[in-house]
Amino acid sequence: MALEITDSQFREFVPRYYQLNPETDHLLFDGNELVDGMIVLLEDPGHRGVDEPMGEATASARQMCNRWTQVSRLVNDGETVRFIGIYADGSQRKWVRPIEDAWLCKKGVH
């Protein structure tokens, strides 16, 4: 099921150093604040790719981490969060992240 998003920023890769836009985004302190339905992006730009040419593994990681994704089937075990990330194009990836990771979240979507 593809996200119902018309804004092109969700359909494209975000820049590695994308910063929170206070008009549209807010910061989640850690994975304890994630909720099914939220549209999120890892807050730490270190997880959003590198400045070198892309190899196969780097391209796959960028496809996962450099795009906004909707949280589905969230599981929080106190140490990690796991969820299915649903992207605007309908693709899906399984996420497993430490609970300590902060997230950017689109306002009004959850």
PDB file of N, CA and C in Angstrom:
ATOM      1  N   MET A   1       0.843  -1.177   0.000  1.00  0.00           N
ATOM      2  CA  MET A   1       0.000   0.000   0.000  1.00  0.00           C
ATOM      3  C   MET A   1       0.887   1.238   0.000  1.00  0.00           C
ATOM      4  N   ALA A   2       0.833   2.021  -1.056  1.00  0.00           N
ATOM      5  CA  ALA A   2       1.673   3.211  -1.172  1.00  0.00           C
ATOM      6  C   ALA A   2       1.107   4.340  -0.323  1.00  0.00           C
ATOM      7  N   LEU A   3       2.006   5.194   0.168  1.00  0.00           N
ATOM      8  CA  LEU A   3       1.584   6.352   0.942  1.00  0.00           C
ATOM      9  C   LEU A   3       0.825   7.320   0.050  1.00  0.00           C
ATOM     10  N   GLU A   4      -0.140   7.984   0.614  1.00  0.00           N
ATOM     11  CA  GLU A   4      -0.892   9.002  -0.111  1.00  0.00           C
ATOM     12  C   GLU A   4      -0.229  10.347   0.119  1.00  0.00           C
ATOM     13  N   ILE A   5       0.890  10.574  -0.549  1.00  0.00           N
ATOM     14  CA  ILE A   5       1.651  11.800  -0.376  1.00  0.00           C
ATOM     15  C   ILE A   5       1.849  12.437  -1.740  1.00  0.00           C
ATOM     16  N   THR A   6       1.550  13.714  -1.829  1.00  0.00           N
ATOM     17  CA  THR A   6       1.726  14.398  -3.103  1.00  0.00           C
ATOM     18  C   THR A   6       2.960  15.281  -3.114  1.00  0.00           C
ATOM     19  N   ASP A   7       3.454  15.693  -1.951  1.00  0.00           N
ATOM     20  CA  ASP A   7       4.610  16.572  -1.873  1.00  0.00           C
ATOM     21  C   ASP A   7       5.854  15.838  -2.369  1.00  0.00           C
ATOM     22  N   SER A   8       6.556  16.443  -3.332  1.00  0.00           N
ATOM     23  CA  SER A   8       7.703  15.776  -3.949  1.00  0.00           C
ATOM     24  C   SER A   8       8.833  15.507  -2.975  1.00  0.00           C
ATOM     25  N   GLN A   9       8.898  16.219  -1.855  1.00  0.00           N
ATOM     26  CA  GLN A   9      10.007  15.971  -0.924  1.00  0.00           C
ATOM     27  C   GLN A   9       9.962  14.555  -0.355  1.00  0.00           C
ATOM     28  N   PHE A  10       8.813  13.932  -0.318  1.00  0.00           N
ATOM     29  CA  PHE A  10       8.719  12.574   0.192  1.00  0.00           C
ATOM     30  C   PHE A  10       9.149  11.556  -0.853  1.00  0.00           C
ATOM     31  N   ARG A  11       9.079  11.916  -2.097  1.00  0.00           N
ATOM     32  CA  ARG A  11       9.354  10.976  -3.179  1.00  0.00           C
ATOM     33  C   ARG A  11      10.834  10.956  -3.573  1.00  0.00           C
ATOM     34  N   GLU A  12      11.587  11.938  -3.131  1.00  0.00           N
ATOM     35  CA  GLU A  12      12.976  12.054  -3.512  1.00  0.00           C
ATOM     36  C   GLU A  12      13.871  11.780  -2.315  1.00  0.00           C
ATOM     37  N   PHE A  13      15.128  11.518  -2.603  1.00  0.00           N
ATOM     38  CA  PHE A  13      16.104  11.354  -1.535  1.00  0.00           C
ATOM     39  C   PHE A  13      16.326  12.699  -0.856  1.00  0.00           C
ATOM     40  N   VAL A  14      16.454  12.660   0.460  1.00  0.00           N
ATOM     41  CA  VAL A  14      16.782  13.888   1.179  1.00  0.00           C
ATOM     42  C   VAL A  14      18.294  14.080   1.129  1.00  0.00           C
ATOM     43  N   PRO A  15      18.747  15.318   1.201  1.00  0.00           N
ATOM     44  CA  PRO A  15      20.195  15.535   1.273  1.00  0.00           C
ATOM     45  C   PRO A  15      20.755  14.906   2.542  1.00  0.00           C
ATOM     46  N   ARG A  16      22.001  14.506   2.489  1.00  0.00           N
ATOM     47  CA  ARG A  16      22.617  13.894   3.656  1.00  0.00           C
ATOM     48  C   ARG A  16      22.486  14.789   4.878  1.00  0.00           C
ATOM     49  N   TYR A  17      22.635  16.085   4.688  1.00  0.00           N
ATOM     50  CA  TYR A  17      22.615  17.003   5.822  1.00  0.00           C
ATOM     51  C   TYR A  17      21.274  17.728   5.960  1.00  0.00           C
ATOM     52  N   TYR A  18      20.206  17.064   5.560  1.00  0.00           N
ATOM     53  CA  TYR A  18      18.871  17.636   5.763  1.00  0.00           C
ATOM     54  C   TYR A  18      18.696  17.972   7.236  1.00  0.00           C
ATOM     55  N   GLN A  19      18.186  19.158   7.505  1.00  0.00           N
ATOM     56  CA  GLN A  19      17.937  19.578   8.876  1.00  0.00           C
ATOM     57  C   GLN A  19      16.447  19.728   9.098  1.00  0.00           C
ATOM     58  N   LEU A  20      16.046  19.569  10.328  1.00  0.00           N
ATOM     59  CA  LEU A  20      14.656  19.712  10.720  1.00  0.00           C
ATOM     60  C   LEU A  20      14.101  21.039  10.224  1.00  0.00           C
ATOM     61  N   ASN A  21      12.956  20.983   9.588  1.00  0.00           N
ATOM     62  CA  ASN A  21      12.226  22.180   9.171  1.00  0.00           C
ATOM     63  C   ASN A  21      11.136  22.393  10.211  1.00  0.00           C
ATOM     64  N   PRO A  22      11.232  23.429  11.056  1.00  0.00           N
ATOM     65  CA  PRO A  22      10.272  23.599  12.147  1.00  0.00           C
ATOM     66  C   PRO A  22       8.830  23.807  11.692  1.00  0.00           C
ATOM     67  N   GLU A  23       8.631  24.150  10.433  1.00  0.00           N
ATOM     68  CA  GLU A  23       7.269  24.317   9.924  1.00  0.00           C
ATOM     69  C   GLU A  23       6.597  22.988   9.622  1.00  0.00           C
ATOM     70  N   THR A  24       7.397  21.975   9.276  1.00  0.00           N
ATOM     71  CA  THR A  24       6.808  20.704   8.839  1.00  0.00           C
ATOM     72  C   THR A  24       7.252  19.490   9.647  1.00  0.00           C
ATOM     73  N   ASP A  25       8.343  19.622  10.410  1.00  0.00           N
ATOM     74  CA  ASP A  25       8.927  18.475  11.107  1.00  0.00           C
ATOM     75  C   ASP A  25       9.015  18.738  12.605  1.00  0.00           C
ATOM     76  N   HIS A  26       9.105  17.664  13.370  1.00  0.00           N
ATOM     77  CA  HIS A  26       9.492  17.790  14.769  1.00  0.00           C
ATOM     78  C   HIS A  26      10.432  16.638  15.114  1.00  0.00           C
ATOM     79  N   LEU A  27      11.155  16.791  16.227  1.00  0.00           N
ATOM     80  CA  LEU A  27      12.176  15.842  16.626  1.00  0.00           C
ATOM     81  C   LEU A  27      11.633  14.874  17.669  1.00  0.00           C
ATOM     82  N   LEU A  28      11.854  13.590  17.431  1.00  0.00           N
ATOM     83  CA  LEU A  28      11.550  12.565  18.415  1.00  0.00           C
ATOM     84  C   LEU A  28      12.841  12.234  19.141  1.00  0.00           C
ATOM     85  N   PHE A  29      12.831  12.306  20.464  1.00  0.00           N
ATOM     86  CA  PHE A  29      14.033  12.107  21.268  1.00  0.00           C
ATOM     87  C   PHE A  29      14.654  10.737  21.043  1.00  0.00           C
ATOM     88  N   ASP A  30      13.831   9.708  20.965  1.00  0.00           N
ATOM     89  CA  ASP A  30      14.336   8.349  20.728  1.00  0.00           C
ATOM     90  C   ASP A  30      13.201   7.469  20.213  1.00  0.00           C
ATOM     91  N   GLY A  31      13.519   6.187  20.023  1.00  0.00           N
ATOM     92  CA  GLY A  31      12.556   5.247  19.465  1.00  0.00           C
ATOM     93  C   GLY A  31      11.333   5.006  20.321  1.00  0.00           C
ATOM     94  N   ASN A  32      11.388   5.357  21.603  1.00  0.00           N
ATOM     95  CA  ASN A  32      10.208   5.211  22.461  1.00  0.00           C
ATOM     96  C   ASN A  32       9.052   6.091  22.011  1.00  0.00           C
ATOM     97  N   GLU A  33       9.335   7.129  21.239  1.00  0.00           N
ATOM     98  CA  GLU A  33       8.294   8.048  20.782  1.00  0.00           C
ATOM     99  C   GLU A  33       7.687   7.673  19.437  1.00  0.00           C
ATOM    100  N   LEU A  34       8.228   6.643  18.779  1.00  0.00           N
ATOM    101  CA  LEU A  34       7.677   6.211  17.498  1.00  0.00           C
ATOM    102  C   LEU A  34       6.291   5.596  17.680  1.00  0.00           C
ATOM    103  N   VAL A  35       5.419   5.842  16.701  1.00  0.00           N
ATOM    104  CA  VAL A  35       4.056   5.312  16.692  1.00  0.00           C
ATOM    105  C   VAL A  35       3.736   4.871  15.268  1.00  0.00           C
ATOM    106  N   ASP A  36       3.009   3.763  15.128  1.00  0.00           N
ATOM    107  CA  ASP A  36       2.554   3.345  13.803  1.00  0.00           C
ATOM    108  C   ASP A  36       1.879   4.513  13.088  1.00  0.00           C
ATOM    109  N   GLY A  37       2.205   4.665  11.798  1.00  0.00           N
ATOM    110  CA  GLY A  37       1.594   5.702  10.981  1.00  0.00           C
ATOM    111  C   GLY A  37       2.449   6.946  10.830  1.00  0.00           C
ATOM    112  N   MET A  38       3.410   7.151  11.724  1.00  0.00           N
ATOM    113  CA  MET A  38       4.289   8.318  11.610  1.00  0.00           C
ATOM    114  C   MET A  38       5.130   8.221  10.348  1.00  0.00           C
ATOM    115  N   ILE A  39       5.477   9.373   9.784  1.00  0.00           N
ATOM    116  CA  ILE A  39       6.401   9.442   8.658  1.00  0.00           C
ATOM    117  C   ILE A  39       7.701  10.001   9.208  1.00  0.00           C
ATOM    118  N   VAL A  40       8.767   9.195   9.117  1.00  0.00           N
ATOM    119  CA  VAL A  40      10.005   9.496   9.830  1.00  0.00           C
ATOM    120  C   VAL A  40      11.243   9.410   8.934  1.00  0.00           C
ATOM    121  N   LEU A  41      12.314   9.999   9.454  1.00  0.00           N
ATOM    122  CA  LEU A  41      13.631   9.981   8.839  1.00  0.00           C
ATOM    123  C   LEU A  41      14.633   9.942   9.977  1.00  0.00           C
ATOM    124  N   LEU A  42      15.675   9.115   9.866  1.00  0.00           N
ATOM    125  CA  LEU A  42      16.708   9.110  10.902  1.00  0.00           C
ATOM    126  C   LEU A  42      17.265  10.521  11.077  1.00  0.00           C
ATOM    127  N   GLU A  43      17.404  10.958  12.325  1.00  0.00           N
ATOM    128  CA  GLU A  43      17.866  12.318  12.590  1.00  0.00           C
ATOM    129  C   GLU A  43      19.352  12.481  12.321  1.00  0.00           C
ATOM    130  N   ASP A  44      20.162  11.472  12.598  1.00  0.00           N
ATOM    131  CA  ASP A  44      21.614  11.562  12.473  1.00  0.00           C
ATOM    132  C   ASP A  44      22.028  11.507  11.005  1.00  0.00           C
ATOM    133  N   PRO A  45      22.612  12.607  10.476  1.00  0.00           N
ATOM    134  CA  PRO A  45      23.009  12.593   9.063  1.00  0.00           C
ATOM    135  C   PRO A  45      24.097  11.579   8.751  1.00  0.00           C
ATOM    136  N   GLY A  46      24.795  11.090   9.755  1.00  0.00           N
ATOM    137  CA  GLY A  46      25.801  10.062   9.528  1.00  0.00           C
ATOM    138  C   GLY A  46      25.226   8.766   8.997  1.00  0.00           C
ATOM    139  N   HIS A  47      23.923   8.580   9.155  1.00  0.00           N
ATOM    140  CA  HIS A  47      23.254   7.381   8.651  1.00  0.00           C
ATOM    141  C   HIS A  47      22.638   7.585   7.277  1.00  0.00           C
ATOM    142  N   ARG A  48      22.836   8.761   6.700  1.00  0.00           N
ATOM    143  CA  ARG A  48      22.184   9.071   5.426  1.00  0.00           C
ATOM    144  C   ARG A  48      23.125   9.038   4.241  1.00  0.00           C
ATOM    145  N   GLY A  49      24.095   8.156   4.257  1.00  0.00           N
ATOM    146  CA  GLY A  49      24.959   7.995   3.093  1.00  0.00           C
ATOM    147  C   GLY A  49      26.297   8.683   3.279  1.00  0.00           C
ATOM    148  N   VAL A  50      27.108   8.516   2.291  1.00  0.00           N
ATOM    149  CA  VAL A  50      28.453   9.079   2.313  1.00  0.00           C
ATOM    150  C   VAL A  50      28.667   9.917   1.071  1.00  0.00           C
ATOM    151  N   ASP A  51      29.750  10.653   1.055  1.00  0.00           N
ATOM    152  CA  ASP A  51      30.012  11.561  -0.055  1.00  0.00           C
ATOM    153  C   ASP A  51      30.838  10.927  -1.167  1.00  0.00           C
ATOM    154  N   GLU A  52      31.105   9.622  -1.063  1.00  0.00           N
ATOM    155  CA  GLU A  52      31.871   8.924  -2.089  1.00  0.00           C
ATOM    156  C   GLU A  52      30.923   8.355  -3.137  1.00  0.00           C
ATOM    157  N   PRO A  53      31.473   7.906  -4.266  1.00  0.00           N
ATOM    158  CA  PRO A  53      30.611   7.231  -5.256  1.00  0.00           C
ATOM    159  C   PRO A  53      29.915   6.036  -4.622  1.00  0.00           C
ATOM    160  N   MET A  54      28.716   5.749  -5.091  1.00  0.00           N
ATOM    161  CA  MET A  54      27.919   4.686  -4.486  1.00  0.00           C
ATOM    162  C   MET A  54      28.285   3.317  -5.035  1.00  0.00           C
ATOM    163  N   GLY A  55      28.594   2.406  -4.134  1.00  0.00           N
ATOM    164  CA  GLY A  55      28.677   1.000  -4.477  1.00  0.00           C
ATOM    165  C   GLY A  55      27.297   0.394  -4.260  1.00  0.00           C
ATOM    166  N   GLU A  56      27.161  -0.890  -4.495  1.00  0.00           N
ATOM    167  CA  GLU A  56      25.861  -1.548  -4.370  1.00  0.00           C
ATOM    168  C   GLU A  56      25.312  -1.452  -2.947  1.00  0.00           C
ATOM    169  N   ALA A  57      26.153  -1.720  -1.936  1.00  0.00           N
ATOM    170  CA  ALA A  57      25.694  -1.672  -0.542  1.00  0.00           C
ATOM    171  C   ALA A  57      25.332  -0.250  -0.140  1.00  0.00           C
ATOM    172  N   THR A  58      26.117   0.730  -0.568  1.00  0.00           N
ATOM    173  CA  THR A  58      25.837   2.123  -0.234  1.00  0.00           C
ATOM    174  C   THR A  58      24.534   2.568  -0.879  1.00  0.00           C
ATOM    175  N   ALA A  59      24.315   2.184  -2.118  1.00  0.00           N
ATOM    176  CA  ALA A  59      23.076   2.551  -2.807  1.00  0.00           C
ATOM    177  C   ALA A  59      21.868   1.969  -2.082  1.00  0.00           C
ATOM    178  N   SER A  60      21.962   0.731  -1.638  1.00  0.00           N
ATOM    179  CA  SER A  60      20.861   0.107  -0.913  1.00  0.00           C
ATOM    180  C   SER A  60      20.601   0.830   0.402  1.00  0.00           C
ATOM    181  N   ALA A  61      21.671   1.161   1.121  1.00  0.00           N
ATOM    182  CA  ALA A  61      21.510   1.882   2.388  1.00  0.00           C
ATOM    183  C   ALA A  61      20.891   3.253   2.161  1.00  0.00           C
ATOM    184  N   ARG A  62      21.300   3.945   1.116  1.00  0.00           N
ATOM    185  CA  ARG A  62      20.718   5.263   0.823  1.00  0.00           C
ATOM    186  C   ARG A  62      19.248   5.143   0.467  1.00  0.00           C
ATOM    187  N   GLN A  63      18.893   4.121  -0.283  1.00  0.00           N
ATOM    188  CA  GLN A  63      17.486   3.939  -0.630  1.00  0.00           C
ATOM    189  C   GLN A  63      16.648   3.748   0.624  1.00  0.00           C
ATOM    190  N   MET A  64      17.233   3.174   1.646  1.00  0.00           N
ATOM    191  CA  MET A  64      16.513   2.937   2.893  1.00  0.00           C
ATOM    192  C   MET A  64      16.523   4.173   3.786  1.00  0.00           C
ATOM    193  N   CYS A  65      17.688   4.771   3.985  1.00  0.00           N
ATOM    194  CA  CYS A  65      17.857   5.796   5.019  1.00  0.00           C
ATOM    195  C   CYS A  65      17.719   7.229   4.535  1.00  0.00           C
ATOM    196  N   ASN A  66      17.757   7.480   3.261  1.00  0.00           N
ATOM    197  CA  ASN A  66      17.708   8.843   2.746  1.00  0.00           C
ATOM    198  C   ASN A  66      16.333   9.228   2.232  1.00  0.00           C
ATOM    199  N   ARG A  67      15.316   8.478   2.640  1.00  0.00           N
ATOM    200  CA  ARG A  67      13.947   8.806   2.227  1.00  0.00           C
ATOM    201  C   ARG A  67      13.038   8.753   3.449  1.00  0.00           C
ATOM    202  N   TRP A  68      12.024   9.596   3.443  1.00  0.00           N
ATOM    203  CA  TRP A  68      10.998   9.536   4.479  1.00  0.00           C
ATOM    204  C   TRP A  68      10.265   8.212   4.339  1.00  0.00           C
ATOM    205  N   THR A  69       9.900   7.619   5.465  1.00  0.00           N
ATOM    206  CA  THR A  69       9.200   6.342   5.446  1.00  0.00           C
ATOM    207  C   THR A  69       8.104   6.325   6.509  1.00  0.00           C
ATOM    208  N   GLN A  70       7.044   5.609   6.227  1.00  0.00           N
ATOM    209  CA  GLN A  70       5.939   5.488   7.181  1.00  0.00           C
ATOM    210  C   GLN A  70       6.136   4.244   8.033  1.00  0.00           C
ATOM    211  N   VAL A  71       6.001   4.412   9.351  1.00  0.00           N
ATOM    212  CA  VAL A  71       6.177   3.320  10.304  1.00  0.00           C
ATOM    213  C   VAL A  71       4.948   2.414  10.293  1.00  0.00           C
ATOM    214  N   SER A  72       5.190   1.109  10.163  1.00  0.00           N
ATOM    215  CA  SER A  72       4.119   0.120  10.187  1.00  0.00           C
ATOM    216  C   SER A  72       4.595  -1.094  10.975  1.00  0.00           C
ATOM    217  N   ARG A  73       3.709  -1.690  11.772  1.00  0.00           N
ATOM    218  CA  ARG A  73       4.001  -2.901  12.551  1.00  0.00           C
ATOM    219  C   ARG A  73       5.166  -2.682  13.522  1.00  0.00           C
ATOM    220  N   LEU A  74       5.126  -1.578  14.230  1.00  0.00           N
ATOM    221  CA  LEU A  74       6.185  -1.198  15.166  1.00  0.00           C
ATOM    222  C   LEU A  74       6.279  -2.173  16.338  1.00  0.00           C
ATOM    223  N   VAL A  75       7.506  -2.582  16.654  1.00  0.00           N
ATOM    224  CA  VAL A  75       7.805  -3.397  17.833  1.00  0.00           C
ATOM    225  C   VAL A  75       8.937  -2.695  18.578  1.00  0.00           C
ATOM    226  N   ASN A  76       8.732  -2.459  19.880  1.00  0.00           N
ATOM    227  CA  ASN A  76       9.735  -1.830  20.734  1.00  0.00           C
ATOM    228  C   ASN A  76      10.010  -2.793  21.884  1.00  0.00           C
ATOM    229  N   ASP A  77      11.237  -3.340  21.936  1.00  0.00           N
ATOM    230  CA  ASP A  77      11.560  -4.288  23.005  1.00  0.00           C
ATOM    231  C   ASP A  77      12.370  -3.634  24.128  1.00  0.00           C
ATOM    232  N   GLY A  78      12.485  -2.313  24.098  1.00  0.00           N
ATOM    233  CA  GLY A  78      13.230  -1.590  25.118  1.00  0.00           C
ATOM    234  C   GLY A  78      14.684  -1.348  24.760  1.00  0.00           C
ATOM    235  N   GLU A  79      15.228  -2.126  23.852  1.00  0.00           N
ATOM    236  CA  GLU A  79      16.602  -1.949  23.390  1.00  0.00           C
ATOM    237  C   GLU A  79      16.675  -1.568  21.923  1.00  0.00           C
ATOM    238  N   THR A  80      15.732  -2.101  21.143  1.00  0.00           N
ATOM    239  CA  THR A  80      15.675  -1.791  19.713  1.00  0.00           C
ATOM    240  C   THR A  80      14.233  -1.503  19.323  1.00  0.00           C
ATOM    241  N   VAL A  81      14.094  -0.818  18.193  1.00  0.00           N
ATOM    242  CA  VAL A  81      12.782  -0.692  17.564  1.00  0.00           C
ATOM    243  C   VAL A  81      12.872  -1.401  16.223  1.00  0.00           C
ATOM    244  N   ARG A  82      11.800  -2.085  15.878  1.00  0.00           N
ATOM    245  CA  ARG A  82      11.706  -2.778  14.601  1.00  0.00           C
ATOM    246  C   ARG A  82      10.390  -2.369  13.973  1.00  0.00           C
ATOM    247  N   PHE A  83      10.419  -2.118  12.690  1.00  0.00           N
ATOM    248  CA  PHE A  83       9.179  -1.804  11.986  1.00  0.00           C
ATOM    249  C   PHE A  83       9.366  -2.024  10.491  1.00  0.00           C
ATOM    250  N   ILE A  84       8.242  -2.093   9.800  1.00  0.00           N
ATOM    251  CA  ILE A  84       8.251  -2.102   8.342  1.00  0.00           C
ATOM    252  C   ILE A  84       8.139  -0.646   7.919  1.00  0.00           C
ATOM    253  N   GLY A  85       9.099  -0.187   7.123  1.00  0.00           N
ATOM    254  CA  GLY A  85       9.049   1.164   6.568  1.00  0.00           C
ATOM    255  C   GLY A  85       8.404   1.113   5.204  1.00  0.00           C
ATOM    256  N   ILE A  86       7.352   1.894   5.018  1.00  0.00           N
ATOM    257  CA  ILE A  86       6.647   1.945   3.737  1.00  0.00           C
ATOM    258  C   ILE A  86       6.981   3.281   3.083  1.00  0.00           C
ATOM    259  N   TYR A  87       7.520   3.217   1.880  1.00  0.00           N
ATOM    260  CA  TYR A  87       7.958   4.407   1.164  1.00  0.00           C
ATOM    261  C   TYR A  87       6.883   4.888   0.196  1.00  0.00           C
ATOM    262  N   ALA A  88       7.018   6.131  -0.257  1.00  0.00           N
ATOM    263  CA  ALA A  88       6.016   6.753  -1.123  1.00  0.00           C
ATOM    264  C   ALA A  88       5.788   5.973  -2.413  1.00  0.00           C
ATOM    265  N   ASP A  89       6.808   5.260  -2.893  1.00  0.00           N
ATOM    266  CA  ASP A  89       6.647   4.483  -4.127  1.00  0.00           C
ATOM    267  C   ASP A  89       6.046   3.105  -3.884  1.00  0.00           C
ATOM    268  N   GLY A  90       5.707   2.806  -2.604  1.00  0.00           N
ATOM    269  CA  GLY A  90       5.096   1.524  -2.267  1.00  0.00           C
ATOM    270  C   GLY A  90       6.097   0.467  -1.830  1.00  0.00           C
ATOM    271  N   SER A  91       7.391   0.724  -2.015  1.00  0.00           N
ATOM    272  CA  SER A  91       8.384  -0.260  -1.571  1.00  0.00           C
ATOM    273  C   SER A  91       8.407  -0.315  -0.047  1.00  0.00           C
ATOM    274  N   GLN A  92       8.899  -1.431   0.481  1.00  0.00           N
ATOM    275  CA  GLN A  92       8.926  -1.647   1.927  1.00  0.00           C
ATOM    276  C   GLN A  92      10.273  -2.223   2.326  1.00  0.00           C
ATOM    277  N   ARG A  93      10.743  -1.821   3.502  1.00  0.00           N
ATOM    278  CA  ARG A  93      11.986  -2.350   4.058  1.00  0.00           C
ATOM    279  C   ARG A  93      11.789  -2.581   5.545  1.00  0.00           C
ATOM    280  N   LYS A  94      12.419  -3.624   6.068  1.00  0.00           N
ATOM    281  CA  LYS A  94      12.392  -3.862   7.514  1.00  0.00           C
ATOM    282  C   LYS A  94      13.498  -3.033   8.162  1.00  0.00           C
ATOM    283  N   TRP A  95      13.146  -2.284   9.197  1.00  0.00           N
ATOM    284  CA  TRP A  95      14.077  -1.467   9.965  1.00  0.00           C
ATOM    285  C   TRP A  95      14.320  -2.119  11.318  1.00  0.00           C
ATOM    286  N   VAL A  96      15.566  -2.120  11.766  1.00  0.00           N
ATOM    287  CA  VAL A  96      15.937  -2.515  13.125  1.00  0.00           C
ATOM    288  C   VAL A  96      16.964  -1.482  13.581  1.00  0.00           C
ATOM    289  N   ARG A  97      16.611  -0.686  14.598  1.00  0.00           N
ATOM    290  CA  ARG A  97      17.480   0.401  15.048  1.00  0.00           C
ATOM    291  C   ARG A  97      17.565   0.409  16.571  1.00  0.00           C
ATOM    292  N   PRO A  98      18.693   0.877  17.112  1.00  0.00           N
ATOM    293  CA  PRO A  98      18.803   1.033  18.568  1.00  0.00           C
ATOM    294  C   PRO A  98      17.759   2.015  19.080  1.00  0.00           C
ATOM    295  N   ILE A  99      17.233   1.761  20.259  1.00  0.00           N
ATOM    296  CA  ILE A  99      16.203   2.619  20.849  1.00  0.00           C
ATOM    297  C   ILE A  99      16.696   4.057  21.004  1.00  0.00           C
ATOM    298  N   GLU A 100      18.016   4.254  21.148  1.00  0.00           N
ATOM    299  CA  GLU A 100      18.581   5.578  21.389  1.00  0.00           C
ATOM    300  C   GLU A 100      18.519   6.498  20.174  1.00  0.00           C
ATOM    301  N   ASP A 101      18.325   5.951  18.972  1.00  0.00           N
ATOM    302  CA  ASP A 101      18.306   6.786  17.776  1.00  0.00           C
ATOM    303  C   ASP A 101      17.183   7.816  17.847  1.00  0.00           C
ATOM    304  N   ALA A 102      17.527   9.054  17.492  1.00  0.00           N
ATOM    305  CA  ALA A 102      16.520  10.113  17.366  1.00  0.00           C
ATOM    306  C   ALA A 102      15.968  10.086  15.938  1.00  0.00           C
ATOM    307  N   TRP A 103      14.759  10.610  15.782  1.00  0.00           N
ATOM    308  CA  TRP A 103      14.077  10.590  14.487  1.00  0.00           C
ATOM    309  C   TRP A 103      13.482  11.960  14.194  1.00  0.00           C
ATOM    310  N   LEU A 104      13.445  12.338  12.918  1.00  0.00           N
ATOM    311  CA  LEU A 104      12.655  13.473  12.486  1.00  0.00           C
ATOM    312  C   LEU A 104      11.302  12.905  12.072  1.00  0.00           C
ATOM    313  N   CYS A 105      10.251  13.630  12.378  1.00  0.00           N
ATOM    314  CA  CYS A 105       8.897  13.159  12.118  1.00  0.00           C
ATOM    315  C   CYS A 105       8.092  14.282  11.468  1.00  0.00           C
ATOM    316  N   LYS A 106       7.321  13.962  10.445  1.00  0.00           N
ATOM    317  CA  LYS A 106       6.463  14.951   9.810  1.00  0.00           C
ATOM    318  C   LYS A 106       5.298  15.266  10.751  1.00  0.00           C
ATOM    319  N   LYS A 107       5.046  16.552  10.948  1.00  0.00           N
ATOM    320  CA  LYS A 107       3.966  16.998  11.816  1.00  0.00           C
ATOM    321  C   LYS A 107       2.616  16.608  11.223  1.00  0.00           C
ATOM    322  N   GLY A 108       1.709  16.237  12.099  1.00  0.00           N
ATOM    323  CA  GLY A 108       0.332  15.983  11.693  1.00  0.00           C
ATOM    324  C   GLY A 108       0.102  14.703  10.920  1.00  0.00           C
ATOM    325  N   VAL A 109       1.100  13.826  10.864  1.00  0.00           N
ATOM    326  CA  VAL A 109       0.950  12.568  10.131  1.00  0.00           C
ATOM    327  C   VAL A 109       1.232  11.419  11.092  1.00  0.00           C
ATOM    328  N   HIS A 110       0.194  10.864  11.683  1.00  0.00           N
ATOM    329  CA  HIS A 110       0.285   9.643  12.484  1.00  0.00           C
ATOM    330  C   HIS A 110      -1.035   9.320  13.084  1.00  0.00           C
TER     331      HIS A 110
END
